[in-house]
Amino acid sequence: RTGWRTRLPPPYGLASFIAQVTHRTITCSSIWFRLTLFIKETKMDVKRLAQNTVDIFNDRSYRQKAREVASPDIVVIDAPTGQQMKGIDGFVQYSQSFVDAMPDLKGTAVEHAVNGNKVTTRVHARGTFTGKLQTPQGTLQGTGRPVDIEYRLEQEFNDDGKLVRFRRYTPPRLKLY
Protein backbone atom coordinates (compact mmCIF):
# COMPACT_ATOMS: atom_id res chain seq x y z
CA ARG A 1 0.00 0.00 0.00
CA THR A 2 1.18 3.52 -0.75
CA GLY A 3 0.20 6.83 0.77
CA TRP A 4 1.06 9.06 3.63
CA ARG A 5 -0.07 6.57 6.29
CA THR A 6 2.52 4.01 5.27
CA ARG A 7 5.40 6.45 5.22
CA LEU A 8 5.09 7.95 8.68
CA PRO A 9 3.51 6.61 11.86
CA PRO A 10 0.91 8.78 13.66
CA PRO A 11 0.92 11.56 14.68
CA TYR A 12 3.44 12.45 11.99
CA GLY A 13 1.27 10.96 9.25
CA LEU A 14 -1.24 13.81 9.53
CA ALA A 15 1.54 16.41 9.60
CA SER A 16 3.05 14.86 6.49
CA PHE A 17 -0.34 15.02 4.79
CA ILE A 18 -0.71 18.68 5.74
CA ALA A 19 2.79 19.37 4.43
CA GLN A 20 1.87 17.71 1.13
CA VAL A 21 -1.37 19.66 0.86
CA THR A 22 0.37 22.98 1.45
CA HIS A 23 3.39 21.95 -0.66
CA ARG A 24 5.72 22.90 2.14
CA THR A 25 8.18 21.03 4.30
CA ILE A 26 7.36 21.42 7.97
CA THR A 27 10.07 20.44 10.43
CA CYS A 28 8.43 21.36 13.74
CA SER A 29 7.71 18.29 15.88
CA SER A 30 4.50 19.67 17.34
CA ILE A 31 1.41 18.40 15.50
CA TRP A 32 -0.65 21.23 17.04
CA PHE A 33 1.73 23.81 15.60
CA ARG A 34 1.46 22.10 12.22
CA LEU A 35 -2.33 22.17 12.27
CA THR A 36 -2.34 25.81 13.35
CA LEU A 37 0.09 26.68 10.55
CA PHE A 38 -2.14 24.89 8.03
CA ILE A 39 -5.23 26.73 9.23
CA LYS A 40 -3.48 30.12 9.08
CA GLU A 41 -2.27 29.43 5.54
CA THR A 42 -5.78 28.67 4.35
CA LYS A 43 -7.39 31.79 5.84
CA MET A 44 -8.01 34.88 3.74
CA ASP A 45 -5.40 37.62 3.64
CA VAL A 46 -7.35 40.46 5.28
CA LYS A 47 -4.36 42.78 5.05
CA ARG A 48 -4.45 42.42 1.26
CA LEU A 49 -8.22 42.94 1.24
CA ALA A 50 -7.83 46.13 3.30
CA GLN A 51 -5.12 47.42 0.96
CA ASN A 52 -7.41 46.70 -1.97
CA THR A 53 -10.05 49.16 -0.71
CA VAL A 54 -7.40 51.90 -0.61
CA ASP A 55 -6.24 50.93 -4.11
CA ILE A 56 -9.72 50.94 -5.68
CA PHE A 57 -10.33 54.39 -4.22
CA ASN A 58 -7.05 55.68 -5.65
CA ASP A 59 -7.63 54.29 -9.13
CA ARG A 60 -11.33 55.30 -8.96
CA SER A 61 -12.54 51.78 -9.75
CA TYR A 62 -14.65 51.60 -6.55
CA ARG A 63 -17.85 52.05 -8.60
CA GLN A 64 -17.11 49.02 -10.77
CA LYS A 65 -15.59 46.87 -8.01
CA ALA A 66 -17.97 47.69 -5.14
CA ARG A 67 -19.91 44.43 -5.52
CA GLU A 68 -16.63 42.46 -5.55
CA VAL A 69 -15.27 44.00 -2.34
CA ALA A 70 -18.35 44.82 -0.27
CA SER A 71 -21.16 42.76 1.17
CA PRO A 72 -24.68 43.89 0.19
CA ASP A 73 -25.32 44.73 3.86
CA ILE A 74 -22.12 46.76 4.42
CA VAL A 75 -22.31 49.57 6.98
CA VAL A 76 -20.18 52.65 6.27
CA ILE A 77 -19.51 54.96 9.21
CA ASP A 78 -17.89 58.39 9.05
CA ALA A 79 -16.95 58.92 12.69
CA PRO A 80 -16.16 62.68 12.50
CA THR A 81 -19.63 63.55 11.15
CA GLY A 82 -21.63 60.68 12.61
CA GLN A 83 -22.83 59.87 9.11
CA GLN A 84 -23.84 56.26 8.50
CA MET A 85 -24.61 54.69 5.13
CA LYS A 86 -25.72 51.17 4.31
CA GLY A 87 -25.39 48.86 1.36
CA ILE A 88 -23.18 48.88 -1.71
CA ASP A 89 -24.77 52.09 -2.99
CA GLY A 90 -23.91 53.75 0.32
CA PHE A 91 -20.30 52.58 0.01
CA VAL A 92 -20.05 54.03 -3.51
CA GLN A 93 -21.81 57.27 -2.51
CA TYR A 94 -19.47 57.73 0.46
CA SER A 95 -16.36 57.29 -1.70
CA GLN A 96 -17.78 59.55 -4.41
CA SER A 97 -18.38 62.36 -1.90
CA PHE A 98 -14.63 62.65 -1.31
CA VAL A 99 -13.83 62.48 -5.02
CA ASP A 100 -16.37 65.26 -5.66
CA ALA A 101 -14.71 67.41 -3.00
CA MET A 102 -11.09 66.56 -3.83
CA PRO A 103 -10.82 65.05 -7.33
CA ASP A 104 -7.07 64.49 -7.04
CA LEU A 105 -7.21 62.92 -3.55
CA LYS A 106 -4.99 59.84 -3.23
CA GLY A 107 -4.23 57.84 -0.11
CA THR A 108 -1.21 55.80 0.85
CA ALA A 109 -1.62 53.01 3.40
CA VAL A 110 1.13 53.61 5.94
CA GLU A 111 0.43 50.54 8.06
CA HIS A 112 -2.14 47.81 8.60
CA ALA A 113 -2.91 46.31 12.01
CA VAL A 114 -4.71 42.97 11.72
CA ASN A 115 -6.91 41.49 14.42
CA GLY A 116 -8.76 38.43 13.15
CA ASN A 117 -11.06 39.53 10.34
CA LYS A 118 -10.63 43.23 11.23
CA VAL A 119 -7.95 45.57 9.92
CA THR A 120 -7.12 49.08 11.07
CA THR A 121 -5.24 50.97 8.38
CA ARG A 122 -3.41 54.25 8.87
CA VAL A 123 -3.72 56.25 5.65
CA HIS A 124 -1.88 59.40 4.60
CA ALA A 125 -3.77 61.27 1.87
CA ARG A 126 -3.08 64.32 -0.27
CA GLY A 127 -5.25 66.27 -2.64
CA THR A 128 -6.74 69.70 -3.33
CA PHE A 129 -10.06 70.76 -1.82
CA THR A 130 -11.68 72.28 -4.91
CA GLY A 131 -15.23 70.88 -4.81
CA LYS A 132 -17.99 70.59 -2.27
CA LEU A 133 -18.08 68.09 0.58
CA GLN A 134 -21.58 67.11 1.66
CA THR A 135 -21.94 66.34 5.37
CA PRO A 136 -24.95 65.88 7.65
CA GLN A 137 -24.10 69.30 9.12
CA GLY A 138 -24.16 71.01 5.73
CA THR A 139 -21.97 71.58 2.71
CA LEU A 140 -18.32 72.54 2.98
CA GLN A 141 -17.21 74.64 0.03
CA GLY A 142 -13.75 73.96 -1.36
CA THR A 143 -11.01 76.47 -0.73
CA GLY A 144 -8.62 75.50 -3.52
CA ARG A 145 -6.00 74.70 -0.90
CA PRO A 146 -3.96 71.52 -0.71
CA VAL A 147 -5.09 68.93 1.82
CA ASP A 148 -2.59 66.72 3.60
CA ILE A 149 -4.36 64.46 6.08
CA GLU A 150 -3.89 61.29 8.01
CA TYR A 151 -6.85 59.15 8.94
CA ARG A 152 -7.68 55.64 10.06
CA LEU A 153 -9.87 53.07 8.36
CA GLU A 154 -11.37 50.25 10.37
CA GLN A 155 -12.46 47.48 8.03
CA GLU A 156 -14.20 44.26 8.96
CA PHE A 157 -14.53 41.35 6.54
CA ASN A 158 -16.90 38.38 6.50
CA ASP A 159 -15.82 34.80 5.79
CA ASP A 160 -16.24 35.41 2.06
CA GLY A 161 -13.67 38.25 2.16
CA LYS A 162 -16.28 40.98 1.67
CA LEU A 163 -16.42 44.22 3.62
CA VAL A 164 -19.23 44.27 6.18
CA ARG A 165 -18.11 47.33 8.15
CA PHE A 166 -16.09 50.32 6.95
CA ARG A 167 -15.37 53.08 9.47
CA ARG A 168 -13.23 56.18 8.89
CA TYR A 169 -12.03 58.44 11.63
CA THR A 170 -9.62 61.35 11.68
CA PRO A 171 -7.67 63.21 14.31
CA PRO A 172 -9.78 66.03 15.81
CA ARG A 173 -7.41 68.73 14.56
CA LEU A 174 -8.19 68.10 10.87
CA LYS A 175 -9.44 71.18 9.02
CA LEU A 176 -10.54 71.20 5.40
CA TYR A 177 -11.42 74.90 5.30
C-alpha atoms as a PDB file:
ATOM      1  CA  ARG A   1       0.000   0.000   0.000  1.00  0.00           C
ATOM      2  CA  THR A   2       1.178   3.522  -0.746  1.00  0.00           C
ATOM      3  CA  GLY A   3       0.196   6.833   0.774  1.00  0.00           C
ATOM      4  CA  TRP A   4       1.064   9.064   3.626  1.00  0.00           C
ATOM      5  CA  ARG A   5      -0.066   6.573   6.287  1.00  0.00           C
ATOM      6  CA  THR A   6       2.518   4.005   5.268  1.00  0.00           C
ATOM      7  CA  ARG A   7       5.400   6.454   5.217  1.00  0.00           C
ATOM      8  CA  LEU A   8       5.085   7.952   8.685  1.00  0.00           C
ATOM      9  CA  PRO A   9       3.506   6.611  11.859  1.00  0.00           C
ATOM     10  CA  PRO A  10       0.906   8.775  13.658  1.00  0.00           C
ATOM     11  CA  PRO A  11       0.918  11.559  14.684  1.00  0.00           C
ATOM     12  CA  TYR A  12       3.437  12.455  11.992  1.00  0.00           C
ATOM     13  CA  GLY A  13       1.269  10.957   9.251  1.00  0.00           C
ATOM     14  CA  LEU A  14      -1.239  13.814   9.530  1.00  0.00           C
ATOM     15  CA  ALA A  15       1.535  16.411   9.601  1.00  0.00           C
ATOM     16  CA  SER A  16       3.049  14.860   6.491  1.00  0.00           C
ATOM     17  CA  PHE A  17      -0.341  15.015   4.791  1.00  0.00           C
ATOM     18  CA  ILE A  18      -0.707  18.679   5.737  1.00  0.00           C
ATOM     19  CA  ALA A  19       2.792  19.374   4.430  1.00  0.00           C
ATOM     20  CA  GLN A  20       1.874  17.712   1.135  1.00  0.00           C
ATOM     21  CA  VAL A  21      -1.371  19.659   0.864  1.00  0.00           C
ATOM     22  CA  THR A  22       0.365  22.983   1.451  1.00  0.00           C
ATOM     23  CA  HIS A  23       3.392  21.955  -0.664  1.00  0.00           C
ATOM     24  CA  ARG A  24       5.723  22.901   2.145  1.00  0.00           C
ATOM     25  CA  THR A  25       8.176  21.026   4.299  1.00  0.00           C
ATOM     26  CA  ILE A  26       7.359  21.417   7.967  1.00  0.00           C
ATOM     27  CA  THR A  27      10.066  20.442  10.430  1.00  0.00           C
ATOM     28  CA  CYS A  28       8.431  21.357  13.738  1.00  0.00           C
ATOM     29  CA  SER A  29       7.708  18.288  15.879  1.00  0.00           C
ATOM     30  CA  SER A  30       4.496  19.669  17.343  1.00  0.00           C
ATOM     31  CA  ILE A  31       1.414  18.404  15.502  1.00  0.00           C
ATOM     32  CA  TRP A  32      -0.654  21.231  17.040  1.00  0.00           C
ATOM     33  CA  PHE A  33       1.727  23.815  15.598  1.00  0.00           C
ATOM     34  CA  ARG A  34       1.457  22.102  12.222  1.00  0.00           C
ATOM     35  CA  LEU A  35      -2.331  22.169  12.272  1.00  0.00           C
ATOM     36  CA  THR A  36      -2.342  25.812  13.351  1.00  0.00           C
ATOM     37  CA  LEU A  37       0.087  26.679  10.551  1.00  0.00           C
ATOM     38  CA  PHE A  38      -2.141  24.888   8.028  1.00  0.00           C
ATOM     39  CA  ILE A  39      -5.233  26.730   9.228  1.00  0.00           C
ATOM     40  CA  LYS A  40      -3.481  30.122   9.082  1.00  0.00           C
ATOM     41  CA  GLU A  41      -2.269  29.431   5.542  1.00  0.00           C
ATOM     42  CA  THR A  42      -5.783  28.672   4.347  1.00  0.00           C
ATOM     43  CA  LYS A  43      -7.395  31.788   5.842  1.00  0.00           C
ATOM     44  CA  MET A  44      -8.009  34.880   3.739  1.00  0.00           C
ATOM     45  CA  ASP A  45      -5.401  37.615   3.635  1.00  0.00           C
ATOM     46  CA  VAL A  46      -7.348  40.463   5.279  1.00  0.00           C
ATOM     47  CA  LYS A  47      -4.363  42.784   5.045  1.00  0.00           C
ATOM     48  CA  ARG A  48      -4.450  42.417   1.263  1.00  0.00           C
ATOM     49  CA  LEU A  49      -8.217  42.941   1.245  1.00  0.00           C
ATOM     50  CA  ALA A  50      -7.826  46.127   3.296  1.00  0.00           C
ATOM     51  CA  GLN A  51      -5.117  47.416   0.958  1.00  0.00           C
ATOM     52  CA  ASN A  52      -7.414  46.698  -1.966  1.00  0.00           C
ATOM     53  CA  THR A  53     -10.047  49.161  -0.706  1.00  0.00           C
ATOM     54  CA  VAL A  54      -7.396  51.905  -0.610  1.00  0.00           C
ATOM     55  CA  ASP A  55      -6.239  50.929  -4.106  1.00  0.00           C
ATOM     56  CA  ILE A  56      -9.720  50.937  -5.677  1.00  0.00           C
ATOM     57  CA  PHE A  57     -10.331  54.394  -4.217  1.00  0.00           C
ATOM     58  CA  ASN A  58      -7.054  55.679  -5.650  1.00  0.00           C
ATOM     59  CA  ASP A  59      -7.630  54.294  -9.131  1.00  0.00           C
ATOM     60  CA  ARG A  60     -11.326  55.301  -8.957  1.00  0.00           C
ATOM     61  CA  SER A  61     -12.538  51.781  -9.749  1.00  0.00           C
ATOM     62  CA  TYR A  62     -14.646  51.600  -6.555  1.00  0.00           C
ATOM     63  CA  ARG A  63     -17.851  52.046  -8.597  1.00  0.00           C
ATOM     64  CA  GLN A  64     -17.105  49.017 -10.769  1.00  0.00           C
ATOM     65  CA  LYS A  65     -15.585  46.866  -8.007  1.00  0.00           C
ATOM     66  CA  ALA A  66     -17.967  47.690  -5.138  1.00  0.00           C
ATOM     67  CA  ARG A  67     -19.907  44.430  -5.524  1.00  0.00           C
ATOM     68  CA  GLU A  68     -16.634  42.463  -5.546  1.00  0.00           C
ATOM     69  CA  VAL A  69     -15.270  44.002  -2.344  1.00  0.00           C
ATOM     70  CA  ALA A  70     -18.353  44.825  -0.266  1.00  0.00           C
ATOM     71  CA  SER A  71     -21.162  42.760   1.165  1.00  0.00           C
ATOM     72  CA  PRO A  72     -24.681  43.895   0.190  1.00  0.00           C
ATOM     73  CA  ASP A  73     -25.317  44.733   3.859  1.00  0.00           C
ATOM     74  CA  ILE A  74     -22.124  46.759   4.422  1.00  0.00           C
ATOM     75  CA  VAL A  75     -22.308  49.575   6.978  1.00  0.00           C
ATOM     76  CA  VAL A  76     -20.178  52.652   6.273  1.00  0.00           C
ATOM     77  CA  ILE A  77     -19.507  54.963   9.211  1.00  0.00           C
ATOM     78  CA  ASP A  78     -17.891  58.386   9.046  1.00  0.00           C
ATOM     79  CA  ALA A  79     -16.952  58.922  12.689  1.00  0.00           C
ATOM     80  CA  PRO A  80     -16.163  62.676  12.504  1.00  0.00           C
ATOM     81  CA  THR A  81     -19.626  63.553  11.152  1.00  0.00           C
ATOM     82  CA  GLY A  82     -21.634  60.683  12.607  1.00  0.00           C
ATOM     83  CA  GLN A  83     -22.831  59.868   9.105  1.00  0.00           C
ATOM     84  CA  GLN A  84     -23.837  56.256   8.498  1.00  0.00           C
ATOM     85  CA  MET A  85     -24.610  54.692   5.126  1.00  0.00           C
ATOM     86  CA  LYS A  86     -25.718  51.172   4.312  1.00  0.00           C
ATOM     87  CA  GLY A  87     -25.386  48.863   1.358  1.00  0.00           C
ATOM     88  CA  ILE A  88     -23.184  48.880  -1.707  1.00  0.00           C
ATOM     89  CA  ASP A  89     -24.774  52.091  -2.989  1.00  0.00           C
ATOM     90  CA  GLY A  90     -23.913  53.754   0.322  1.00  0.00           C
ATOM     91  CA  PHE A  91     -20.298  52.576   0.012  1.00  0.00           C
ATOM     92  CA  VAL A  92     -20.050  54.033  -3.508  1.00  0.00           C
ATOM     93  CA  GLN A  93     -21.806  57.268  -2.515  1.00  0.00           C
ATOM     94  CA  TYR A  94     -19.471  57.726   0.456  1.00  0.00           C
ATOM     95  CA  SER A  95     -16.358  57.289  -1.699  1.00  0.00           C
ATOM     96  CA  GLN A  96     -17.779  59.551  -4.406  1.00  0.00           C
ATOM     97  CA  SER A  97     -18.382  62.364  -1.904  1.00  0.00           C
ATOM     98  CA  PHE A  98     -14.631  62.647  -1.311  1.00  0.00           C
ATOM     99  CA  VAL A  99     -13.832  62.479  -5.024  1.00  0.00           C
ATOM    100  CA  ASP A 100     -16.368  65.264  -5.661  1.00  0.00           C
ATOM    101  CA  ALA A 101     -14.714  67.412  -2.998  1.00  0.00           C
ATOM    102  CA  MET A 102     -11.092  66.559  -3.826  1.00  0.00           C
ATOM    103  CA  PRO A 103     -10.819  65.050  -7.330  1.00  0.00           C
ATOM    104  CA  ASP A 104      -7.071  64.486  -7.038  1.00  0.00           C
ATOM    105  CA  LEU A 105      -7.209  62.923  -3.551  1.00  0.00           C
ATOM    106  CA  LYS A 106      -4.989  59.838  -3.229  1.00  0.00           C
ATOM    107  CA  GLY A 107      -4.231  57.844  -0.106  1.00  0.00           C
ATOM    108  CA  THR A 108      -1.214  55.795   0.854  1.00  0.00           C
ATOM    109  CA  ALA A 109      -1.619  53.007   3.396  1.00  0.00           C
ATOM    110  CA  VAL A 110       1.132  53.614   5.937  1.00  0.00           C
ATOM    111  CA  GLU A 111       0.432  50.544   8.058  1.00  0.00           C
ATOM    112  CA  HIS A 112      -2.143  47.811   8.598  1.00  0.00           C
ATOM    113  CA  ALA A 113      -2.915  46.310  12.013  1.00  0.00           C
ATOM    114  CA  VAL A 114      -4.707  42.965  11.720  1.00  0.00           C
ATOM    115  CA  ASN A 115      -6.914  41.491  14.424  1.00  0.00           C
ATOM    116  CA  GLY A 116      -8.755  38.426  13.152  1.00  0.00           C
ATOM    117  CA  ASN A 117     -11.057  39.534  10.342  1.00  0.00           C
ATOM    118  CA  LYS A 118     -10.627  43.226  11.229  1.00  0.00           C
ATOM    119  CA  VAL A 119      -7.948  45.567   9.920  1.00  0.00           C
ATOM    120  CA  THR A 120      -7.117  49.085  11.072  1.00  0.00           C
ATOM    121  CA  THR A 121      -5.243  50.975   8.380  1.00  0.00           C
ATOM    122  CA  ARG A 122      -3.415  54.247   8.867  1.00  0.00           C
ATOM    123  CA  VAL A 123      -3.724  56.252   5.652  1.00  0.00           C
ATOM    124  CA  HIS A 124      -1.878  59.400   4.595  1.00  0.00           C
ATOM    125  CA  ALA A 125      -3.766  61.270   1.865  1.00  0.00           C
ATOM    126  CA  ARG A 126      -3.081  64.322  -0.273  1.00  0.00           C
ATOM    127  CA  GLY A 127      -5.255  66.270  -2.635  1.00  0.00           C
ATOM    128  CA  THR A 128      -6.740  69.700  -3.329  1.00  0.00           C
ATOM    129  CA  PHE A 129     -10.060  70.759  -1.824  1.00  0.00           C
ATOM    130  CA  THR A 130     -11.685  72.283  -4.911  1.00  0.00           C
ATOM    131  CA  GLY A 131     -15.226  70.884  -4.812  1.00  0.00           C
ATOM    132  CA  LYS A 132     -17.992  70.589  -2.267  1.00  0.00           C
ATOM    133  CA  LEU A 133     -18.084  68.095   0.580  1.00  0.00           C
ATOM    134  CA  GLN A 134     -21.581  67.114   1.665  1.00  0.00           C
ATOM    135  CA  THR A 135     -21.937  66.338   5.375  1.00  0.00           C
ATOM    136  CA  PRO A 136     -24.952  65.882   7.651  1.00  0.00           C
ATOM    137  CA  GLN A 137     -24.098  69.296   9.123  1.00  0.00           C
ATOM    138  CA  GLY A 138     -24.155  71.008   5.732  1.00  0.00           C
ATOM    139  CA  THR A 139     -21.969  71.575   2.706  1.00  0.00           C
ATOM    140  CA  LEU A 140     -18.315  72.536   2.980  1.00  0.00           C
ATOM    141  CA  GLN A 141     -17.209  74.643   0.031  1.00  0.00           C
ATOM    142  CA  GLY A 142     -13.750  73.956  -1.358  1.00  0.00           C
ATOM    143  CA  THR A 143     -11.008  76.467  -0.728  1.00  0.00           C
ATOM    144  CA  GLY A 144      -8.621  75.498  -3.520  1.00  0.00           C
ATOM    145  CA  ARG A 145      -5.998  74.704  -0.895  1.00  0.00           C
ATOM    146  CA  PRO A 146      -3.960  71.521  -0.709  1.00  0.00           C
ATOM    147  CA  VAL A 147      -5.090  68.931   1.819  1.00  0.00           C
ATOM    148  CA  ASP A 148      -2.586  66.724   3.601  1.00  0.00           C
ATOM    149  CA  ILE A 149      -4.359  64.462   6.082  1.00  0.00           C
ATOM    150  CA  GLU A 150      -3.895  61.291   8.007  1.00  0.00           C
ATOM    151  CA  TYR A 151      -6.851  59.153   8.943  1.00  0.00           C
ATOM    152  CA  ARG A 152      -7.679  55.638  10.055  1.00  0.00           C
ATOM    153  CA  LEU A 153      -9.866  53.074   8.362  1.00  0.00           C
ATOM    154  CA  GLU A 154     -11.373  50.246  10.375  1.00  0.00           C
ATOM    155  CA  GLN A 155     -12.460  47.480   8.028  1.00  0.00           C
ATOM    156  CA  GLU A 156     -14.203  44.263   8.964  1.00  0.00           C
ATOM    157  CA  PHE A 157     -14.530  41.349   6.540  1.00  0.00           C
ATOM    158  CA  ASN A 158     -16.899  38.382   6.503  1.00  0.00           C
ATOM    159  CA  ASP A 159     -15.819  34.796   5.791  1.00  0.00           C
ATOM    160  CA  ASP A 160     -16.238  35.410   2.056  1.00  0.00           C
ATOM    161  CA  GLY A 161     -13.672  38.245   2.164  1.00  0.00           C
ATOM    162  CA  LYS A 162     -16.280  40.979   1.670  1.00  0.00           C
ATOM    163  CA  LEU A 163     -16.416  44.223   3.619  1.00  0.00           C
ATOM    164  CA  VAL A 164     -19.225  44.272   6.176  1.00  0.00           C
ATOM    165  CA  ARG A 165     -18.113  47.332   8.147  1.00  0.00           C
ATOM    166  CA  PHE A 166     -16.088  50.319   6.948  1.00  0.00           C
ATOM    167  CA  ARG A 167     -15.366  53.081   9.470  1.00  0.00           C
ATOM    168  CA  ARG A 168     -13.231  56.176   8.892  1.00  0.00           C
ATOM    169  CA  TYR A 169     -12.033  58.440  11.635  1.00  0.00           C
ATOM    170  CA  THR A 170      -9.617  61.351  11.683  1.00  0.00           C
ATOM    171  CA  PRO A 171      -7.668  63.207  14.308  1.00  0.00           C
ATOM    172  CA  PRO A 172      -9.776  66.029  15.808  1.00  0.00           C
ATOM    173  CA  ARG A 173      -7.409  68.725  14.558  1.00  0.00           C
ATOM    174  CA  LEU A 174      -8.188  68.096  10.867  1.00  0.00           C
ATOM    175  CA  LYS A 175      -9.438  71.177   9.016  1.00  0.00           C
ATOM    176  CA  LEU A 176     -10.542  71.204   5.403  1.00  0.00           C
ATOM    177  CA  TYR A 177     -11.422  74.903   5.303  1.00  0.00           C
END
